[in-house]
């Protein structure tokens, strides 16, 4: 009984799927709430990519054929830039997106 009650009481973690393609993240704008735990599930259909969110000191490698999972619980509000930190070809320097935390 107590395990089931705990499972019901635990907040659901929202999964956000992100595709890293040459040279864009889809979606390139992600909206979350401060204190909300989300699981970012990354795929890269073409070449190895990276994801870096410096304002929250998180990053991961994204390899074709695999799902990279990053757990994030933002502790501050604002608009933050994320970017590809693995060279993925010409256009790499413009590959970024925005995390909006409200």
N, C-alpha and C. Protein backbone atom coordinates (compact mmCIF):
# COMPACT_ATOMS: atom_id res chain seq x y z
N UNK A 1 0.78 -1.19 0.00
CA UNK A 1 0.00 0.00 0.00
C UNK A 1 0.84 1.26 0.00
N UNK A 2 1.87 1.37 0.85
CA UNK A 2 2.60 2.63 0.96
C UNK A 2 3.42 2.92 -0.30
N UNK A 3 3.91 1.90 -0.99
CA UNK A 3 4.67 2.13 -2.22
C UNK A 3 3.75 2.71 -3.29
N UNK A 4 2.54 2.18 -3.40
CA UNK A 4 1.59 2.70 -4.39
C UNK A 4 1.21 4.14 -4.08
N UNK A 5 1.03 4.45 -2.79
CA UNK A 5 0.69 5.82 -2.41
C UNK A 5 1.83 6.77 -2.76
N UNK A 6 3.06 6.32 -2.55
CA UNK A 6 4.21 7.16 -2.90
C UNK A 6 4.28 7.39 -4.41
N UNK A 7 4.02 6.34 -5.19
CA UNK A 7 4.07 6.47 -6.65
C UNK A 7 3.02 7.47 -7.14
N UNK A 8 1.85 7.46 -6.54
CA UNK A 8 0.81 8.40 -6.93
C UNK A 8 1.16 9.82 -6.53
N UNK A 9 1.86 9.98 -5.40
CA UNK A 9 2.19 11.30 -4.88
C UNK A 9 3.36 11.94 -5.63
N UNK A 10 4.21 11.12 -6.25
CA UNK A 10 5.38 11.65 -6.94
C UNK A 10 4.94 12.41 -8.19
N UNK A 11 5.48 13.60 -8.40
CA UNK A 11 5.10 14.37 -9.59
C UNK A 11 5.60 13.68 -10.86
N UNK A 12 4.83 13.79 -11.93
CA UNK A 12 5.24 13.22 -13.20
C UNK A 12 6.35 14.07 -13.80
N UNK A 13 7.31 13.42 -14.38
CA UNK A 13 8.41 14.10 -15.05
C UNK A 13 8.03 14.21 -16.53
N UNK A 14 8.05 15.41 -17.04
CA UNK A 14 7.69 15.64 -18.45
C UNK A 14 8.88 15.30 -19.34
N UNK A 15 8.60 14.55 -20.40
CA UNK A 15 9.62 14.20 -21.39
C UNK A 15 9.49 15.16 -22.57
N UNK A 16 10.62 15.75 -22.96
CA UNK A 16 10.66 16.64 -24.11
C UNK A 16 11.63 16.04 -25.12
N UNK A 17 11.12 15.69 -26.30
CA UNK A 17 11.95 15.11 -27.34
C UNK A 17 12.57 16.23 -28.17
N UNK A 18 13.88 16.12 -28.39
CA UNK A 18 14.62 17.13 -29.15
C UNK A 18 15.45 16.40 -30.21
N UNK A 19 15.32 16.85 -31.46
CA UNK A 19 16.12 16.30 -32.55
C UNK A 19 17.21 17.31 -32.90
N UNK A 20 18.45 16.83 -32.92
CA UNK A 20 19.59 17.67 -33.31
C UNK A 20 19.95 17.33 -34.75
N UNK A 21 19.58 18.23 -35.67
CA UNK A 21 19.84 18.04 -37.09
C UNK A 21 20.80 19.12 -37.56
N UNK A 22 21.40 18.89 -38.71
CA UNK A 22 22.24 19.95 -39.28
C UNK A 22 21.34 21.10 -39.66
N UNK A 23 21.43 22.22 -39.20
CA UNK A 23 22.19 22.77 -38.09
C UNK A 23 21.19 23.44 -37.16
N UNK A 24 20.27 22.65 -36.66
CA UNK A 24 19.16 23.17 -35.87
C UNK A 24 18.70 22.13 -34.85
N UNK A 25 18.19 22.63 -33.73
CA UNK A 25 17.49 21.79 -32.78
C UNK A 25 16.00 21.91 -33.06
N UNK A 26 15.30 20.80 -33.04
CA UNK A 26 13.85 20.80 -33.20
C UNK A 26 13.21 20.18 -31.97
N UNK A 27 12.52 20.93 -31.14
CA UNK A 27 12.28 22.36 -31.25
C UNK A 27 13.53 23.16 -30.84
N UNK A 28 13.59 24.40 -31.29
CA UNK A 28 14.74 25.23 -30.91
C UNK A 28 14.38 26.19 -29.77
N UNK A 29 13.14 26.09 -29.29
CA UNK A 29 12.73 26.85 -28.10
C UNK A 29 11.97 25.90 -27.19
N UNK A 30 12.45 25.78 -25.96
CA UNK A 30 11.87 24.87 -24.99
C UNK A 30 11.36 25.69 -23.81
N UNK A 31 10.12 25.46 -23.42
CA UNK A 31 9.50 26.19 -22.30
C UNK A 31 9.30 25.25 -21.12
N UNK A 32 9.81 25.64 -19.95
CA UNK A 32 9.64 24.89 -18.71
C UNK A 32 9.36 25.87 -17.58
N UNK A 33 8.94 25.31 -16.45
CA UNK A 33 8.70 26.14 -15.26
C UNK A 33 9.85 25.97 -14.28
N UNK A 34 10.14 27.00 -13.55
CA UNK A 34 11.16 26.92 -12.51
C UNK A 34 10.77 25.82 -11.54
N UNK A 35 11.70 24.94 -11.22
CA UNK A 35 11.46 23.85 -10.30
C UNK A 35 10.85 22.61 -10.93
N UNK A 36 10.43 22.70 -12.19
CA UNK A 36 9.85 21.55 -12.90
C UNK A 36 10.98 20.66 -13.40
N UNK A 37 10.90 19.37 -13.07
CA UNK A 37 11.88 18.43 -13.59
C UNK A 37 11.42 17.93 -14.94
N UNK A 38 12.30 18.03 -15.92
CA UNK A 38 12.02 17.53 -17.26
C UNK A 38 13.15 16.59 -17.66
N UNK A 39 12.80 15.66 -18.54
CA UNK A 39 13.79 14.77 -19.13
C UNK A 39 13.88 15.13 -20.61
N UNK A 40 15.03 15.61 -21.02
CA UNK A 40 15.26 15.93 -22.42
C UNK A 40 15.80 14.68 -23.10
N UNK A 41 15.09 14.22 -24.14
CA UNK A 41 15.49 13.04 -24.90
C UNK A 41 15.99 13.52 -26.26
N UNK A 42 17.28 13.38 -26.49
CA UNK A 42 17.92 13.87 -27.71
C UNK A 42 18.19 12.74 -28.68
N UNK A 43 17.94 13.02 -29.97
CA UNK A 43 18.37 12.13 -31.04
C UNK A 43 19.07 12.98 -32.10
N UNK A 44 19.97 12.32 -32.84
CA UNK A 44 20.70 12.99 -33.93
C UNK A 44 20.69 12.03 -35.12
N UNK A 45 19.89 12.29 -36.14
CA UNK A 45 19.78 11.36 -37.25
C UNK A 45 20.96 11.35 -38.22
N UNK A 46 21.83 12.37 -38.16
CA UNK A 46 22.85 12.50 -39.20
C UNK A 46 24.27 12.25 -38.71
N UNK A 47 24.75 13.08 -37.79
CA UNK A 47 26.13 13.02 -37.32
C UNK A 47 26.15 13.26 -35.81
N UNK A 48 27.26 12.94 -35.14
CA UNK A 48 27.34 13.25 -33.71
C UNK A 48 27.16 14.74 -33.46
N UNK A 49 26.41 15.04 -32.41
CA UNK A 49 26.13 16.42 -32.02
C UNK A 49 26.39 16.54 -30.52
N UNK A 50 26.26 17.75 -30.03
CA UNK A 50 26.37 17.99 -28.60
C UNK A 50 25.25 18.92 -28.18
N UNK A 51 25.00 18.95 -26.88
CA UNK A 51 24.05 19.89 -26.31
C UNK A 51 24.70 20.46 -25.06
N UNK A 52 24.78 21.77 -25.01
CA UNK A 52 25.37 22.45 -23.86
C UNK A 52 24.44 23.57 -23.43
N UNK A 53 24.14 23.59 -22.14
CA UNK A 53 23.33 24.64 -21.53
C UNK A 53 24.17 25.23 -20.40
N UNK A 54 25.10 26.15 -20.75
CA UNK A 54 26.09 26.64 -19.80
C UNK A 54 25.50 27.26 -18.53
N UNK A 55 24.36 27.94 -18.63
CA UNK A 55 23.79 28.61 -17.46
C UNK A 55 23.36 27.63 -16.37
N UNK A 56 23.20 26.36 -16.74
CA UNK A 56 22.82 25.34 -15.76
C UNK A 56 23.90 24.27 -15.63
N UNK A 57 25.06 24.50 -16.25
CA UNK A 57 26.21 23.60 -16.18
C UNK A 57 25.85 22.17 -16.56
N UNK A 58 25.09 22.02 -17.65
CA UNK A 58 24.75 20.68 -18.14
C UNK A 58 25.11 20.56 -19.60
N UNK A 59 25.49 19.35 -19.99
CA UNK A 59 25.81 19.04 -21.39
C UNK A 59 25.71 17.55 -21.60
N UNK A 60 25.58 17.17 -22.86
CA UNK A 60 25.59 15.76 -23.22
C UNK A 60 26.02 15.61 -24.68
N UNK A 61 26.55 14.45 -25.00
CA UNK A 61 26.84 14.09 -26.38
C UNK A 61 25.61 13.40 -26.95
N UNK A 62 25.35 13.62 -28.24
CA UNK A 62 24.21 13.02 -28.92
C UNK A 62 24.76 12.23 -30.10
N UNK A 63 24.63 10.90 -30.04
CA UNK A 63 25.18 10.04 -31.07
C UNK A 63 24.07 9.45 -31.93
N UNK A 64 24.25 9.43 -33.24
CA UNK A 64 23.24 8.83 -34.12
C UNK A 64 22.94 7.39 -33.69
N UNK A 65 21.66 7.04 -33.72
CA UNK A 65 21.25 5.69 -33.35
C UNK A 65 20.98 5.50 -31.87
N UNK A 66 21.27 6.52 -31.05
CA UNK A 66 21.06 6.43 -29.61
C UNK A 66 20.20 7.59 -29.13
N UNK A 67 19.60 7.42 -27.97
CA UNK A 67 18.87 8.51 -27.32
C UNK A 67 19.72 8.97 -26.14
N UNK A 68 20.08 10.23 -26.13
CA UNK A 68 20.80 10.83 -25.00
C UNK A 68 19.75 11.46 -24.09
N UNK A 69 19.81 11.12 -22.80
CA UNK A 69 18.81 11.62 -21.86
C UNK A 69 19.49 12.54 -20.85
N UNK A 70 18.90 13.70 -20.69
CA UNK A 70 19.42 14.70 -19.76
C UNK A 70 18.28 15.14 -18.85
N UNK A 71 18.48 15.00 -17.55
CA UNK A 71 17.48 15.42 -16.56
C UNK A 71 17.81 16.85 -16.15
N UNK A 72 16.78 17.70 -16.14
CA UNK A 72 16.99 19.11 -15.83
C UNK A 72 15.87 19.61 -14.93
N UNK A 73 16.26 20.30 -13.85
CA UNK A 73 15.32 20.98 -12.96
C UNK A 73 15.81 22.42 -12.81
N UNK A 74 15.31 23.34 -13.65
CA UNK A 74 15.80 24.72 -13.60
C UNK A 74 15.50 25.38 -12.25
N UNK A 75 16.49 26.05 -11.69
CA UNK A 75 16.34 26.70 -10.38
C UNK A 75 16.27 28.22 -10.48
N UNK A 76 16.20 28.72 -11.73
CA UNK A 76 16.10 30.17 -11.93
C UNK A 76 15.27 30.44 -13.17
N UNK A 77 14.64 31.61 -13.20
CA UNK A 77 13.82 31.97 -14.35
C UNK A 77 14.63 32.84 -15.32
N UNK A 78 14.17 32.86 -16.56
CA UNK A 78 14.82 33.69 -17.57
C UNK A 78 14.87 32.98 -18.90
N UNK A 79 15.63 33.55 -19.80
CA UNK A 79 15.83 33.00 -21.13
C UNK A 79 17.30 32.64 -21.27
N UNK A 80 17.57 31.39 -21.62
CA UNK A 80 18.93 30.88 -21.63
C UNK A 80 19.23 30.22 -22.97
N UNK A 81 20.43 30.43 -23.48
CA UNK A 81 20.83 29.88 -24.76
C UNK A 81 21.48 28.51 -24.57
N UNK A 82 21.06 27.54 -25.40
CA UNK A 82 21.77 26.27 -25.48
C UNK A 82 22.39 26.16 -26.86
N UNK A 83 23.43 25.33 -26.98
CA UNK A 83 24.16 25.27 -28.23
C UNK A 83 24.79 23.90 -28.44
N UNK A 84 25.15 23.66 -29.70
CA UNK A 84 25.89 22.45 -30.05
C UNK A 84 27.36 22.71 -29.76
N UNK A 85 27.98 21.84 -28.98
CA UNK A 85 29.39 22.03 -28.65
C UNK A 85 30.27 20.93 -29.24
N UNK A 86 29.74 20.21 -30.23
CA UNK A 86 30.52 19.23 -30.98
C UNK A 86 30.46 19.66 -32.44
N UNK A 87 31.62 19.91 -33.04
CA UNK A 87 31.64 20.40 -34.42
C UNK A 87 30.90 19.41 -35.32
N UNK A 88 29.89 19.91 -36.02
CA UNK A 88 29.02 19.04 -36.84
C UNK A 88 29.01 19.47 -38.30
N UNK A 89 29.91 20.36 -38.69
CA UNK A 89 30.00 20.78 -40.09
C UNK A 89 29.81 22.28 -40.25
N UNK A 90 29.89 22.74 -41.49
CA UNK A 90 29.68 24.14 -41.78
C UNK A 90 28.27 24.52 -41.38
N UNK A 91 28.12 25.56 -40.58
CA UNK A 91 26.82 25.93 -40.03
C UNK A 91 26.74 25.63 -38.55
N UNK A 92 27.71 24.88 -38.04
CA UNK A 92 27.74 24.50 -36.62
C UNK A 92 27.68 25.72 -35.70
N UNK A 93 28.41 26.79 -36.07
CA UNK A 93 28.51 27.96 -35.19
C UNK A 93 27.16 28.66 -34.99
N UNK A 94 26.19 28.38 -35.85
CA UNK A 94 24.87 28.99 -35.70
C UNK A 94 23.85 28.05 -35.08
N UNK A 95 24.28 26.87 -34.64
CA UNK A 95 23.34 25.90 -34.10
C UNK A 95 23.12 26.16 -32.62
N UNK A 96 21.98 26.78 -32.32
CA UNK A 96 21.64 27.07 -30.93
C UNK A 96 20.13 27.13 -30.77
N UNK A 97 19.71 27.27 -29.54
CA UNK A 97 18.30 27.38 -29.23
C UNK A 97 18.12 28.09 -27.92
N UNK A 98 16.87 28.14 -27.45
CA UNK A 98 16.55 28.91 -26.25
C UNK A 98 15.74 28.06 -25.28
N UNK A 99 16.14 28.11 -24.02
CA UNK A 99 15.36 27.54 -22.93
C UNK A 99 14.70 28.71 -22.22
N UNK A 100 13.37 28.69 -22.15
CA UNK A 100 12.61 29.74 -21.47
C UNK A 100 12.06 29.13 -20.19
N UNK A 101 12.49 29.69 -19.05
CA UNK A 101 12.05 29.21 -17.74
C UNK A 101 11.18 30.28 -17.11
N UNK A 102 9.93 29.92 -16.80
CA UNK A 102 9.01 30.90 -16.20
C UNK A 102 8.68 30.53 -14.76
